[in-house]
C-alpha atoms as a PDB file:
ATOM      1  CA  MET A   1      18.997 -13.133  -9.707  1.00  0.00           C
ATOM      2  CA  ASP A   2      20.654  -9.726  -9.927  1.00  0.00           C
ATOM      3  CA  LYS A   3      18.760  -6.755  -8.543  1.00  0.00           C
ATOM      4  CA  ILE A   4      17.735  -4.156 -11.076  1.00  0.00           C
ATOM      5  CA  LYS A   5      19.804  -0.989 -10.704  1.00  0.00           C
ATOM      6  CA  PHE A   6      18.205   2.359 -11.391  1.00  0.00           C
ATOM      7  CA  ASP A   7      19.911   5.655 -12.237  1.00  0.00           C
ATOM      8  CA  THR A   8      16.927   7.972 -11.779  1.00  0.00           C
ATOM      9  CA  ILE A   9      13.771   8.124  -9.786  1.00  0.00           C
ATOM     10  CA  ASP A  10      11.769   8.112 -13.056  1.00  0.00           C
ATOM     11  CA  GLU A  11      13.368   4.713 -13.964  1.00  0.00           C
ATOM     12  CA  TYR A  12      12.590   3.389 -10.524  1.00  0.00           C
ATOM     13  CA  ILE A  13       8.910   4.429 -10.678  1.00  0.00           C
ATOM     14  CA  MET A  14       8.423   3.087 -14.180  1.00  0.00           C
ATOM     15  CA  ASN A  15       9.189  -0.382 -12.859  1.00  0.00           C
ATOM     16  CA  PHE A  16       5.802  -0.670 -11.101  1.00  0.00           C
ATOM     17  CA  THR A  17       2.188  -1.084 -12.064  1.00  0.00           C
ATOM     18  CA  PRO A  18       0.241   2.081 -13.106  1.00  0.00           C
ATOM     19  CA  ASP A  19      -1.620   2.338  -9.770  1.00  0.00           C
ATOM     20  CA  ILE A  20       1.646   2.125  -7.760  1.00  0.00           C
ATOM     21  CA  GLN A  21       3.390   4.532 -10.223  1.00  0.00           C
ATOM     22  CA  GLU A  22       0.654   7.065  -9.495  1.00  0.00           C
ATOM     23  CA  LYS A  23       1.146   6.787  -5.716  1.00  0.00           C
ATOM     24  CA  LEU A  24       4.885   6.986  -6.071  1.00  0.00           C
ATOM     25  CA  GLN A  25       4.616  10.099  -8.326  1.00  0.00           C
ATOM     26  CA  GLN A  26       2.236  11.781  -5.843  1.00  0.00           C
ATOM     27  CA  LEU A  27       4.614  10.935  -2.984  1.00  0.00           C
ATOM     28  CA  ARG A  28       7.559  12.355  -4.933  1.00  0.00           C
ATOM     29  CA  LYS A  29       5.623  15.564  -5.667  1.00  0.00           C
ATOM     30  CA  VAL A  30       4.691  15.972  -1.980  1.00  0.00           C
ATOM     31  CA  ILE A  31       8.353  15.541  -0.997  1.00  0.00           C
ATOM     32  CA  GLN A  32       9.468  17.996  -3.652  1.00  0.00           C
ATOM     33  CA  GLU A  33       7.014  20.637  -2.479  1.00  0.00           C
ATOM     34  CA  ALA A  34       8.067  20.175   1.149  1.00  0.00           C
ATOM     35  CA  ALA A  35      11.752  20.222   0.258  1.00  0.00           C
ATOM     36  CA  PRO A  36      12.228  22.220  -2.945  1.00  0.00           C
ATOM     37  CA  GLU A  37      15.976  22.635  -2.385  1.00  0.00           C
ATOM     38  CA  ALA A  38      16.524  18.917  -2.027  1.00  0.00           C
ATOM     39  CA  VAL A  39      18.297  16.936  -4.755  1.00  0.00           C
ATOM     40  CA  GLU A  40      16.879  13.693  -6.075  1.00  0.00           C
ATOM     41  CA  LYS A  41      19.079  10.635  -6.420  1.00  0.00           C
ATOM     42  CA  ILE A  42      19.061   6.876  -6.028  1.00  0.00           C
ATOM     43  CA  SER A  43      20.688   5.744  -2.803  1.00  0.00           C
ATOM     44  CA  TRP A  44      20.572   2.215  -1.371  1.00  0.00           C
ATOM     45  CA  GLY A  45      18.614   1.274  -4.487  1.00  0.00           C
ATOM     46  CA  MET A  46      15.775   3.614  -3.484  1.00  0.00           C
ATOM     47  CA  PRO A  47      14.540   7.090  -4.559  1.00  0.00           C
ATOM     48  CA  THR A  48      16.205   9.506  -2.181  1.00  0.00           C
ATOM     49  CA  PHE A  49      16.019  13.224  -1.476  1.00  0.00           C
ATOM     50  CA  PHE A  50      19.239  14.760  -0.246  1.00  0.00           C
ATOM     51  CA  LEU A  51      19.628  18.117   1.493  1.00  0.00           C
ATOM     52  CA  LYS A  52      22.776  18.581   3.568  1.00  0.00           C
ATOM     53  CA  GLY A  53      22.555  14.767   4.058  1.00  0.00           C
ATOM     54  CA  ASN A  54      19.952  12.111   3.366  1.00  0.00           C
ATOM     55  CA  LEU A  55      16.548  13.606   3.960  1.00  0.00           C
ATOM     56  CA  ILE A  56      14.183  10.827   3.071  1.00  0.00           C
ATOM     57  CA  HIS A  57      14.075   7.630   1.007  1.00  0.00           C
ATOM     58  CA  PHE A  58      10.975   5.892  -0.380  1.00  0.00           C
ATOM     59  CA  ALA A  59      10.358   2.498  -1.932  1.00  0.00           C
ATOM     60  CA  ALA A  60       7.541   0.352  -3.237  1.00  0.00           C
ATOM     61  CA  PHE A  61       7.048  -3.280  -2.205  1.00  0.00           C
ATOM     62  CA  LYS A  62       4.480  -5.944  -2.886  1.00  0.00           C
ATOM     63  CA  ASN A  63       1.992  -4.792  -0.198  1.00  0.00           C
ATOM     64  CA  HIS A  64       3.133  -1.352   0.842  1.00  0.00           C
ATOM     65  CA  ILE A  65       5.064   1.844   0.070  1.00  0.00           C
ATOM     66  CA  GLY A  66       7.693   2.608   2.646  1.00  0.00           C
ATOM     67  CA  ILE A  67       9.184   5.931   3.580  1.00  0.00           C
ATOM     68  CA  TYR A  68      12.457   6.177   5.481  1.00  0.00           C
ATOM     69  CA  PRO A  69      12.831   9.502   7.253  1.00  0.00           C
ATOM     70  CA  GLY A  70      15.357   8.201   9.759  1.00  0.00           C
ATOM     71  CA  GLU A  71      14.920   7.472  13.438  1.00  0.00           C
ATOM     72  CA  THR A  72      14.024  11.057  14.453  1.00  0.00           C
ATOM     73  CA  GLY A  73      11.513  11.387  11.589  1.00  0.00           C
ATOM     74  CA  VAL A  74       9.634   8.365  12.996  1.00  0.00           C
ATOM     75  CA  GLU A  75      10.052   9.090  16.710  1.00  0.00           C
ATOM     76  CA  THR A  76       8.884  12.672  16.416  1.00  0.00           C
ATOM     77  CA  PHE A  77       5.587  11.617  14.809  1.00  0.00           C
ATOM     78  CA  LYS A  78       5.133   8.333  16.708  1.00  0.00           C
ATOM     79  CA  ALA A  79       1.715   9.345  18.105  1.00  0.00           C
ATOM     80  CA  GLU A  80       0.408   9.917  14.600  1.00  0.00           C
ATOM     81  CA  LEU A  81       1.788   6.647  13.219  1.00  0.00           C
ATOM     82  CA  THR A  82      -0.158   4.197  15.401  1.00  0.00           C
ATOM     83  CA  GLU A  83      -2.249   2.991  12.442  1.00  0.00           C
ATOM     84  CA  TYR A  84       0.801   2.336  10.267  1.00  0.00           C
ATOM     85  CA  LYS A  85       3.448  -0.282  10.642  1.00  0.00           C
ATOM     86  CA  ASN A  86       6.685   1.438  11.583  1.00  0.00           C
ATOM     87  CA  SER A  87      10.043   0.725  13.066  1.00  0.00           C
ATOM     88  CA  LYS A  88      13.165   2.684  14.125  1.00  0.00           C
ATOM     89  CA  GLY A  89      13.525   4.561  10.840  1.00  0.00           C
ATOM     90  CA  ALA A  90      10.760   3.311   8.560  1.00  0.00           C
ATOM     91  CA  ILE A  91       7.020   3.801   7.997  1.00  0.00           C
ATOM     92  CA  GLN A  92       4.851   1.514   5.830  1.00  0.00           C
ATOM     93  CA  PHE A  93       1.744   2.651   4.033  1.00  0.00           C
ATOM     94  CA  SER A  94      -0.425  -0.260   2.885  1.00  0.00           C
ATOM     95  CA  ASN A  95      -1.092  -0.274  -0.857  1.00  0.00           C
ATOM     96  CA  ASP A  96      -4.781  -0.695  -0.329  1.00  0.00           C
ATOM     97  CA  ARG A  97      -5.107   2.623   1.581  1.00  0.00           C
ATOM     98  CA  PRO A  98      -4.396   6.236   0.706  1.00  0.00           C
ATOM     99  CA  ILE A  99      -1.050   7.647   1.739  1.00  0.00           C
ATOM    100  CA  PRO A 100      -1.449  10.397   4.372  1.00  0.00           C
ATOM    101  CA  PHE A 101       0.294  13.067   2.340  1.00  0.00           C
ATOM    102  CA  ASP A 102      -0.343  15.804   4.907  1.00  0.00           C
ATOM    103  CA  LEU A 103       1.535  13.702   7.506  1.00  0.00           C
ATOM    104  CA  VAL A 104       4.328  13.009   4.908  1.00  0.00           C
ATOM    105  CA  THR A 105       4.648  16.755   4.306  1.00  0.00           C
ATOM    106  CA  ARG A 106       5.045  17.462   8.026  1.00  0.00           C
ATOM    107  CA  ILE A 107       7.642  14.618   8.362  1.00  0.00           C
ATOM    108  CA  VAL A 108       9.599  16.007   5.401  1.00  0.00           C
ATOM    109  CA  THR A 109       9.440  19.600   6.690  1.00  0.00           C
ATOM    110  CA  PHE A 110      10.729  18.345  10.075  1.00  0.00           C
ATOM    111  CA  ARG A 111      13.590  16.512   8.413  1.00  0.00           C
ATOM    112  CA  VAL A 112      14.511  19.601   6.285  1.00  0.00           C
ATOM    113  CA  ASN A 113      14.710  21.742   9.394  1.00  0.00           C
ATOM    114  CA  GLU A 114      16.665  18.988  11.203  1.00  0.00           C
ATOM    115  CA  ASN A 115      19.192  18.649   8.426  1.00  0.00           C
ATOM    116  CA  LEU A 116      19.636  22.384   8.023  1.00  0.00           C
ATOM    117  CA  GLU A 117      20.118  22.844  11.785  1.00  0.00           C
ATOM    118  CA  HIS A 118      22.556  19.944  11.893  1.00  0.00           C
ATOM    119  CA  ALA A 119      24.586  21.457   8.964  1.00  0.00           C
ATOM    120  CA  LYS A 120      24.621  24.837  10.680  1.00  0.00           C
ATOM    121  CA  ASP A 121      25.849  23.281  13.953  1.00  0.00           C
ATOM    122  CA  LYS A 122      28.544  21.436  12.035  1.00  0.00           C
ATOM    123  CA  GLN A 123      29.617  24.582  10.270  1.00  0.00           C
ATOM    124  CA  SER A 124      29.844  26.589  13.506  1.00  0.00           C
ATOM    125  CA  LYS A 125      32.018  23.939  15.093  1.00  0.00           C
ATOM    126  CA  LYS A 126      34.501  24.255  12.223  1.00  0.00           C
ATOM    127  CA  LYS A 127      35.085  27.911  13.077  1.00  0.00           C
END
């Protein structure tokens, strides 16, 4: 069976049940507030925020909502992620528990600063 392809984050979110849509919309809002300059797009089939590079992806699954802030986004907050399943670049929030939006905000803010610093370093190396 072919995977459904989405052109916008709105289309992606509308594909889920109302309770998951609500969580995804809240997550999207938290990311937008922490990274107001970021551009929304679909990348790797997932909602993505882009700011001088991929900032964070998120996706819904049967039993969880995952965020993908990259390896440094997970490693930096490892001590606060002990109650959530996580791996090298992914964090899973179980659908039967609230998403820790304050933690998500801090992760996104970290990633914004990281991406901006990386872009600045890259620019200075070009000179």
